[in-house]
Amino acid sequence: MYEITAGEHSAFTLPALNFRGTPVGVDVRKVMATGSMPRINTGIAHREPGVGMVGAGLLQAPQECFVKAFAALREL
């Protein structure tokens, strides 16, 4: 994710990466240049407080939305 984002968050860090900041700001130009699609970490909490999480997973963003966004940027 670091290769396709604009920067790193200073407050949200990752201990496993020696407290490197989490990647922020997906850059559509970098996505198109590298062909690397963003990963999405999901977590769904139960609607009742205190019940906990009801689902979680990892997925990859679809390429089509970045292709369309990149085309729109080129028209500006």
PDB file of N, CA and C in Angstrom:
ATOM      1  N   MET A   1       0.819  -1.197   0.000  1.00  0.00           N
ATOM      2  CA  MET A   1       0.000   0.000   0.000  1.00  0.00           C
ATOM      3  C   MET A   1       0.865   1.265   0.000  1.00  0.00           C
ATOM      4  N   TYR A   2       2.046   1.200   0.581  1.00  0.00           N
ATOM      5  CA  TYR A   2       2.883   2.401   0.622  1.00  0.00           C
ATOM      6  C   TYR A   2       3.233   2.906  -0.778  1.00  0.00           C
ATOM      7  N   GLU A   3       3.368   1.995  -1.740  1.00  0.00           N
ATOM      8  CA  GLU A   3       3.765   2.427  -3.086  1.00  0.00           C
ATOM      9  C   GLU A   3       2.636   3.107  -3.854  1.00  0.00           C
ATOM     10  N   ILE A   4       1.399   2.991  -3.374  1.00  0.00           N
ATOM     11  CA  ILE A   4       0.274   3.595  -4.110  1.00  0.00           C
ATOM     12  C   ILE A   4      -0.465   4.657  -3.296  1.00  0.00           C
ATOM     13  N   THR A   5       0.123   5.100  -2.193  1.00  0.00           N
ATOM     14  CA  THR A   5      -0.533   6.125  -1.388  1.00  0.00           C
ATOM     15  C   THR A   5       0.296   7.408  -1.353  1.00  0.00           C
ATOM     16  N   ALA A   6      -0.377   8.489  -0.954  1.00  0.00           N
ATOM     17  CA  ALA A   6       0.258   9.802  -0.935  1.00  0.00           C
ATOM     18  C   ALA A   6       1.207   9.985   0.250  1.00  0.00           C
ATOM     19  N   GLY A   7       0.974   9.262   1.338  1.00  0.00           N
ATOM     20  CA  GLY A   7       1.824   9.446   2.505  1.00  0.00           C
ATOM     21  C   GLY A   7       1.518   8.466   3.618  1.00  0.00           C
ATOM     22  N   GLU A   8       2.004   8.819   4.805  1.00  0.00           N
ATOM     23  CA  GLU A   8       1.820   7.984   5.981  1.00  0.00           C
ATOM     24  C   GLU A   8       1.193   8.805   7.102  1.00  0.00           C
ATOM     25  N   HIS A   9       0.312   8.175   7.853  1.00  0.00           N
ATOM     26  CA  HIS A   9      -0.361   8.853   8.962  1.00  0.00           C
ATOM     27  C   HIS A   9       0.595   8.931  10.150  1.00  0.00           C
ATOM     28  N   SER A  10       0.680  10.090  10.765  1.00  0.00           N
ATOM     29  CA  SER A  10       1.617  10.267  11.876  1.00  0.00           C
ATOM     30  C   SER A  10       1.087   9.724  13.200  1.00  0.00           C
ATOM     31  N   ALA A  11      -0.226   9.612  13.347  1.00  0.00           N
ATOM     32  CA  ALA A  11      -0.794   9.155  14.621  1.00  0.00           C
ATOM     33  C   ALA A  11      -1.123   7.664  14.634  1.00  0.00           C
ATOM     34  N   PHE A  12      -1.457   7.099  13.484  1.00  0.00           N
ATOM     35  CA  PHE A  12      -1.789   5.679  13.408  1.00  0.00           C
ATOM     36  C   PHE A  12      -0.585   4.922  12.866  1.00  0.00           C
ATOM     37  N   THR A  13       0.108   4.249  13.761  1.00  0.00           N
ATOM     38  CA  THR A  13       1.340   3.570  13.389  1.00  0.00           C
ATOM     39  C   THR A  13       1.198   2.059  13.547  1.00  0.00           C
ATOM     40  N   LEU A  14       2.116   1.337  12.929  1.00  0.00           N
ATOM     41  CA  LEU A  14       2.102  -0.123  12.940  1.00  0.00           C
ATOM     42  C   LEU A  14       3.313  -0.651  13.704  1.00  0.00           C
ATOM     43  N   PRO A  15       3.093  -1.191  14.900  1.00  0.00           N
ATOM     44  CA  PRO A  15       4.216  -1.722  15.682  1.00  0.00           C
ATOM     45  C   PRO A  15       5.023  -2.771  14.927  1.00  0.00           C
ATOM     46  N   ALA A  16       4.362  -3.616  14.154  1.00  0.00           N
ATOM     47  CA  ALA A  16       5.066  -4.672  13.417  1.00  0.00           C
ATOM     48  C   ALA A  16       6.003  -4.108  12.347  1.00  0.00           C
ATOM     49  N   LEU A  17       5.791  -2.850  11.975  1.00  0.00           N
ATOM     50  CA  LEU A  17       6.653  -2.200  10.978  1.00  0.00           C
ATOM     51  C   LEU A  17       7.498  -1.111  11.625  1.00  0.00           C
ATOM     52  N   ASN A  18       7.920  -1.364  12.857  1.00  0.00           N
ATOM     53  CA  ASN A  18       8.754  -0.424  13.604  1.00  0.00           C
ATOM     54  C   ASN A  18       8.066   0.931  13.743  1.00  0.00           C
ATOM     55  N   PHE A  19       6.745   0.893  13.960  1.00  0.00           N
ATOM     56  CA  PHE A  19       5.908   2.079  14.168  1.00  0.00           C
ATOM     57  C   PHE A  19       5.878   3.023  12.963  1.00  0.00           C
ATOM     58  N   ARG A  20       5.982   2.443  11.799  1.00  0.00           N
ATOM     59  CA  ARG A  20       5.813   3.224  10.572  1.00  0.00           C
ATOM     60  C   ARG A  20       4.339   3.626  10.474  1.00  0.00           C
ATOM     61  N   GLY A  21       4.069   4.813   9.956  1.00  0.00           N
ATOM     62  CA  GLY A  21       2.701   5.289   9.822  1.00  0.00           C
ATOM     63  C   GLY A  21       1.902   4.474   8.822  1.00  0.00           C
ATOM     64  N   THR A  22       0.605   4.342   9.083  1.00  0.00           N
ATOM     65  CA  THR A  22      -0.240   3.607   8.137  1.00  0.00           C
ATOM     66  C   THR A  22      -0.353   4.389   6.827  1.00  0.00           C
ATOM     67  N   PRO A  23      -0.442   3.684   5.710  1.00  0.00           N
ATOM     68  CA  PRO A  23      -0.574   4.362   4.426  1.00  0.00           C
ATOM     69  C   PRO A  23      -1.910   5.101   4.335  1.00  0.00           C
ATOM     70  N   VAL A  24      -1.883   6.318   3.812  1.00  0.00           N
ATOM     71  CA  VAL A  24      -3.109   7.115   3.656  1.00  0.00           C
ATOM     72  C   VAL A  24      -3.130   7.785   2.284  1.00  0.00           C
ATOM     73  N   GLY A  25      -4.321   8.020   1.785  1.00  0.00           N
ATOM     74  CA  GLY A  25      -4.494   8.760   0.543  1.00  0.00           C
ATOM     75  C   GLY A  25      -4.116   7.985  -0.694  1.00  0.00           C
ATOM     76  N   VAL A  26      -4.954   7.027  -1.087  1.00  0.00           N
ATOM     77  CA  VAL A  26      -4.680   6.252  -2.304  1.00  0.00           C
ATOM     78  C   VAL A  26      -4.606   7.217  -3.486  1.00  0.00           C
ATOM     79  N   ASP A  27      -3.525   7.139  -4.233  1.00  0.00           N
ATOM     80  CA  ASP A  27      -3.278   8.006  -5.386  1.00  0.00           C
ATOM     81  C   ASP A  27      -3.585   7.218  -6.658  1.00  0.00           C
ATOM     82  N   VAL A  28      -4.637   7.606  -7.355  1.00  0.00           N
ATOM     83  CA  VAL A  28      -5.070   6.873  -8.542  1.00  0.00           C
ATOM     84  C   VAL A  28      -3.974   6.821  -9.603  1.00  0.00           C
ATOM     85  N   ARG A  29      -3.151   7.844  -9.678  1.00  0.00           N
ATOM     86  CA  ARG A  29      -2.059   7.837 -10.659  1.00  0.00           C
ATOM     87  C   ARG A  29      -1.040   6.757 -10.340  1.00  0.00           C
ATOM     88  N   LYS A  30      -0.746   6.581  -9.054  1.00  0.00           N
ATOM     89  CA  LYS A  30       0.193   5.536  -8.640  1.00  0.00           C
ATOM     90  C   LYS A  30      -0.402   4.144  -8.833  1.00  0.00           C
ATOM     91  N   VAL A  31      -1.701   4.022  -8.604  1.00  0.00           N
ATOM     92  CA  VAL A  31      -2.378   2.737  -8.828  1.00  0.00           C
ATOM     93  C   VAL A  31      -2.258   2.351 -10.293  1.00  0.00           C
ATOM     94  N   MET A  32      -2.509   3.276 -11.180  1.00  0.00           N
ATOM     95  CA  MET A  32      -2.450   2.992 -12.613  1.00  0.00           C
ATOM     96  C   MET A  32      -1.017   2.715 -13.070  1.00  0.00           C
ATOM     97  N   ALA A  33      -0.066   3.430 -12.510  1.00  0.00           N
ATOM     98  CA  ALA A  33       1.331   3.240 -12.910  1.00  0.00           C
ATOM     99  C   ALA A  33       1.881   1.888 -12.464  1.00  0.00           C
ATOM    100  N   THR A  34       1.471   1.433 -11.284  1.00  0.00           N
ATOM    101  CA  THR A  34       1.999   0.176 -10.749  1.00  0.00           C
ATOM    102  C   THR A  34       1.122  -1.026 -11.052  1.00  0.00           C
ATOM    103  N   GLY A  35      -0.173  -0.785 -11.284  1.00  0.00           N
ATOM    104  CA  GLY A  35      -1.107  -1.894 -11.467  1.00  0.00           C
ATOM    105  C   GLY A  35      -1.481  -2.574 -10.166  1.00  0.00           C
ATOM    106  N   SER A  36      -1.060  -1.991  -9.067  1.00  0.00           N
ATOM    107  CA  SER A  36      -1.324  -2.547  -7.737  1.00  0.00           C
ATOM    108  C   SER A  36      -2.620  -1.961  -7.180  1.00  0.00           C
ATOM    109  N   MET A  37      -3.590  -2.823  -6.927  1.00  0.00           N
ATOM    110  CA  MET A  37      -4.876  -2.367  -6.395  1.00  0.00           C
ATOM    111  C   MET A  37      -4.838  -2.316  -4.870  1.00  0.00           C
ATOM    112  N   PRO A  38      -5.520  -1.334  -4.275  1.00  0.00           N
ATOM    113  CA  PRO A  38      -5.534  -1.213  -2.818  1.00  0.00           C
ATOM    114  C   PRO A  38      -6.187  -2.417  -2.140  1.00  0.00           C
ATOM    115  N   ARG A  39      -5.701  -2.743  -0.966  1.00  0.00           N
ATOM    116  CA  ARG A  39      -6.284  -3.782  -0.116  1.00  0.00           C
ATOM    117  C   ARG A  39      -7.193  -3.092   0.889  1.00  0.00           C
ATOM    118  N   ILE A  40      -8.309  -3.709   1.196  1.00  0.00           N
ATOM    119  CA  ILE A  40      -9.268  -3.150   2.132  1.00  0.00           C
ATOM    120  C   ILE A  40      -9.469  -4.131   3.274  1.00  0.00           C
ATOM    121  N   ASN A  41      -9.258  -3.656   4.497  1.00  0.00           N
ATOM    122  CA  ASN A  41      -9.459  -4.454   5.698  1.00  0.00           C
ATOM    123  C   ASN A  41     -10.817  -4.062   6.272  1.00  0.00           C
ATOM    124  N   THR A  42     -11.714  -5.022   6.380  1.00  0.00           N
ATOM    125  CA  THR A  42     -13.056  -4.712   6.853  1.00  0.00           C
ATOM    126  C   THR A  42     -13.316  -5.324   8.224  1.00  0.00           C
ATOM    127  N   GLY A  43     -14.130  -4.653   8.979  1.00  0.00           N
ATOM    128  CA  GLY A  43     -14.590  -5.166  10.259  1.00  0.00           C
ATOM    129  C   GLY A  43     -15.996  -4.651  10.488  1.00  0.00           C
ATOM    130  N   ILE A  44     -16.902  -5.537  10.829  1.00  0.00           N
ATOM    131  CA  ILE A  44     -18.295  -5.145  11.009  1.00  0.00           C
ATOM    132  C   ILE A  44     -18.697  -5.430  12.453  1.00  0.00           C
ATOM    133  N   ALA A  45     -19.094  -4.386  13.147  1.00  0.00           N
ATOM    134  CA  ALA A  45     -19.523  -4.529  14.535  1.00  0.00           C
ATOM    135  C   ALA A  45     -21.014  -4.838  14.594  1.00  0.00           C
ATOM    136  N   HIS A  46     -21.391  -5.540  15.624  1.00  0.00           N
ATOM    137  CA  HIS A  46     -22.815  -5.842  15.842  1.00  0.00           C
ATOM    138  C   HIS A  46     -23.564  -4.562  16.179  1.00  0.00           C
ATOM    139  N   ARG A  47     -24.831  -4.498  15.832  1.00  0.00           N
ATOM    140  CA  ARG A  47     -25.612  -3.282  16.089  1.00  0.00           C
ATOM    141  C   ARG A  47     -25.895  -3.078  17.566  1.00  0.00           C
ATOM    142  N   GLU A  48     -25.790  -4.119  18.362  1.00  0.00           N
ATOM    143  CA  GLU A  48     -25.982  -4.018  19.813  1.00  0.00           C
ATOM    144  C   GLU A  48     -24.627  -3.787  20.479  1.00  0.00           C
ATOM    145  N   PRO A  49     -24.496  -2.724  21.263  1.00  0.00           N
ATOM    146  CA  PRO A  49     -23.215  -2.463  21.938  1.00  0.00           C
ATOM    147  C   PRO A  49     -22.802  -3.624  22.840  1.00  0.00           C
ATOM    148  N   GLY A  50     -21.532  -3.938  22.807  1.00  0.00           N
ATOM    149  CA  GLY A  50     -20.994  -4.979  23.673  1.00  0.00           C
ATOM    150  C   GLY A  50     -21.074  -6.388  23.120  1.00  0.00           C
ATOM    151  N   VAL A  51     -21.778  -6.579  22.013  1.00  0.00           N
ATOM    152  CA  VAL A  51     -21.907  -7.921  21.441  1.00  0.00           C
ATOM    153  C   VAL A  51     -20.619  -8.313  20.712  1.00  0.00           C
ATOM    154  N   GLY A  52     -19.967  -7.368  20.104  1.00  0.00           N
ATOM    155  CA  GLY A  52     -18.704  -7.650  19.427  1.00  0.00           C
ATOM    156  C   GLY A  52     -18.815  -7.600  17.923  1.00  0.00           C
ATOM    157  N   MET A  53     -17.810  -8.167  17.298  1.00  0.00           N
ATOM    158  CA  MET A  53     -17.704  -8.137  15.849  1.00  0.00           C
ATOM    159  C   MET A  53     -18.479  -9.305  15.235  1.00  0.00           C
ATOM    160  N   VAL A  54     -19.165  -9.053  14.139  1.00  0.00           N
ATOM    161  CA  VAL A  54     -19.920 -10.103  13.464  1.00  0.00           C
ATOM    162  C   VAL A  54     -19.279 -10.529  12.145  1.00  0.00           C
ATOM    163  N   GLY A  55     -18.275  -9.813  11.704  1.00  0.00           N
ATOM    164  CA  GLY A  55     -17.621 -10.189  10.461  1.00  0.00           C
ATOM    165  C   GLY A  55     -16.347  -9.397  10.233  1.00  0.00           C
ATOM    166  N   ALA A  56     -15.443  -9.985   9.482  1.00  0.00           N
ATOM    167  CA  ALA A  56     -14.188  -9.320   9.146  1.00  0.00           C
ATOM    168  C   ALA A  56     -13.622  -9.966   7.886  1.00  0.00           C
ATOM    169  N   GLY A  57     -12.772  -9.243   7.216  1.00  0.00           N
ATOM    170  CA  GLY A  57     -12.151  -9.818   6.034  1.00  0.00           C
ATOM    171  C   GLY A  57     -11.234  -8.855   5.326  1.00  0.00           C
ATOM    172  N   LEU A  58     -10.536  -9.378   4.350  1.00  0.00           N
ATOM    173  CA  LEU A  58      -9.659  -8.595   3.484  1.00  0.00           C
ATOM    174  C   LEU A  58     -10.162  -8.736   2.062  1.00  0.00           C
ATOM    175  N   LEU A  59     -10.151  -7.647   1.334  1.00  0.00           N
ATOM    176  CA  LEU A  59     -10.535  -7.707  -0.062  1.00  0.00           C
ATOM    177  C   LEU A  59      -9.706  -6.719  -0.860  1.00  0.00           C
ATOM    178  N   GLN A  60      -9.816  -6.835  -2.162  1.00  0.00           N
ATOM    179  CA  GLN A  60      -9.072  -5.952  -3.052  1.00  0.00           C
ATOM    180  C   GLN A  60     -10.070  -5.094  -3.821  1.00  0.00           C
ATOM    181  N   ALA A  61      -9.788  -3.810  -3.906  1.00  0.00           N
ATOM    182  CA  ALA A  61     -10.664  -2.892  -4.635  1.00  0.00           C
ATOM    183  C   ALA A  61     -10.691  -3.272  -6.112  1.00  0.00           C
ATOM    184  N   PRO A  62     -11.847  -3.117  -6.767  1.00  0.00           N
ATOM    185  CA  PRO A  62     -11.923  -3.442  -8.191  1.00  0.00           C
ATOM    186  C   PRO A  62     -11.148  -2.448  -9.050  1.00  0.00           C
ATOM    187  N   GLN A  63     -10.492  -2.946 -10.075  1.00  0.00           N
ATOM    188  CA  GLN A  63      -9.658  -2.107 -10.934  1.00  0.00           C
ATOM    189  C   GLN A  63     -10.489  -1.085 -11.713  1.00  0.00           C
ATOM    190  N   GLU A  64     -11.691  -1.444 -12.079  1.00  0.00           N
ATOM    191  CA  GLU A  64     -12.509  -0.577 -12.929  1.00  0.00           C
ATOM    192  C   GLU A  64     -12.721   0.820 -12.338  1.00  0.00           C
ATOM    193  N   CYS A  65     -12.908   0.907 -11.023  1.00  0.00           N
ATOM    194  CA  CYS A  65     -13.141   2.229 -10.435  1.00  0.00           C
ATOM    195  C   CYS A  65     -11.909   3.123 -10.571  1.00  0.00           C
ATOM    196  N   PHE A  66     -10.721   2.548 -10.558  1.00  0.00           N
ATOM    197  CA  PHE A  66      -9.502   3.341 -10.709  1.00  0.00           C
ATOM    198  C   PHE A  66      -9.274   3.723 -12.166  1.00  0.00           C
ATOM    199  N   VAL A  67      -9.632   2.840 -13.076  1.00  0.00           N
ATOM    200  CA  VAL A  67      -9.529   3.155 -14.506  1.00  0.00           C
ATOM    201  C   VAL A  67     -10.429   4.344 -14.834  1.00  0.00           C
ATOM    202  N   LYS A  68     -11.658   4.312 -14.318  1.00  0.00           N
ATOM    203  CA  LYS A  68     -12.597   5.418 -14.578  1.00  0.00           C
ATOM    204  C   LYS A  68     -12.153   6.714 -13.906  1.00  0.00           C
ATOM    205  N   ALA A  69     -11.639   6.610 -12.688  1.00  0.00           N
ATOM    206  CA  ALA A  69     -11.161   7.808 -11.981  1.00  0.00           C
ATOM    207  C   ALA A  69      -9.968   8.419 -12.708  1.00  0.00           C
ATOM    208  N   PHE A  70      -9.071   7.584 -13.184  1.00  0.00           N
ATOM    209  CA  PHE A  70      -7.903   8.071 -13.906  1.00  0.00           C
ATOM    210  C   PHE A  70      -8.323   8.766 -15.202  1.00  0.00           C
ATOM    211  N   ALA A  71      -9.288   8.196 -15.911  1.00  0.00           N
ATOM    212  CA  ALA A  71      -9.794   8.821 -17.135  1.00  0.00           C
ATOM    213  C   ALA A  71     -10.425  10.174 -16.836  1.00  0.00           C
ATOM    214  N   ALA A  72     -11.156  10.254 -15.743  1.00  0.00           N
ATOM    215  CA  ALA A  72     -11.791  11.529 -15.347  1.00  0.00           C
ATOM    216  C   ALA A  72     -10.722  12.576 -15.008  1.00  0.00           C
ATOM    217  N   LEU A  73      -9.663  12.170 -14.353  1.00  0.00           N
ATOM    218  CA  LEU A  73      -8.590  13.113 -14.019  1.00  0.00           C
ATOM    219  C   LEU A  73      -7.912  13.646 -15.282  1.00  0.00           C
ATOM    220  N   ARG A  74      -7.766  12.796 -16.264  1.00  0.00           N
ATOM    221  CA  ARG A  74      -7.109  13.218 -17.508  1.00  0.00           C
ATOM    222  C   ARG A  74      -7.933  14.262 -18.254  1.00  0.00           C
ATOM    223  N   GLU A  75      -9.232  14.283 -18.013  1.00  0.00           N
ATOM    224  CA  GLU A  75     -10.111  15.257 -18.681  1.00  0.00           C
ATOM    225  C   GLU A  75     -10.071  16.630 -18.023  1.00  0.00           C
ATOM    226  N   LEU A  76      -9.519  16.722 -16.831  1.00  0.00           N
ATOM    227  CA  LEU A  76      -9.477  18.021 -16.126  1.00  0.00           C
ATOM    228  C   LEU A  76      -8.504  18.988 -16.770  1.00  0.00           C
TER     229      LEU A  76
END
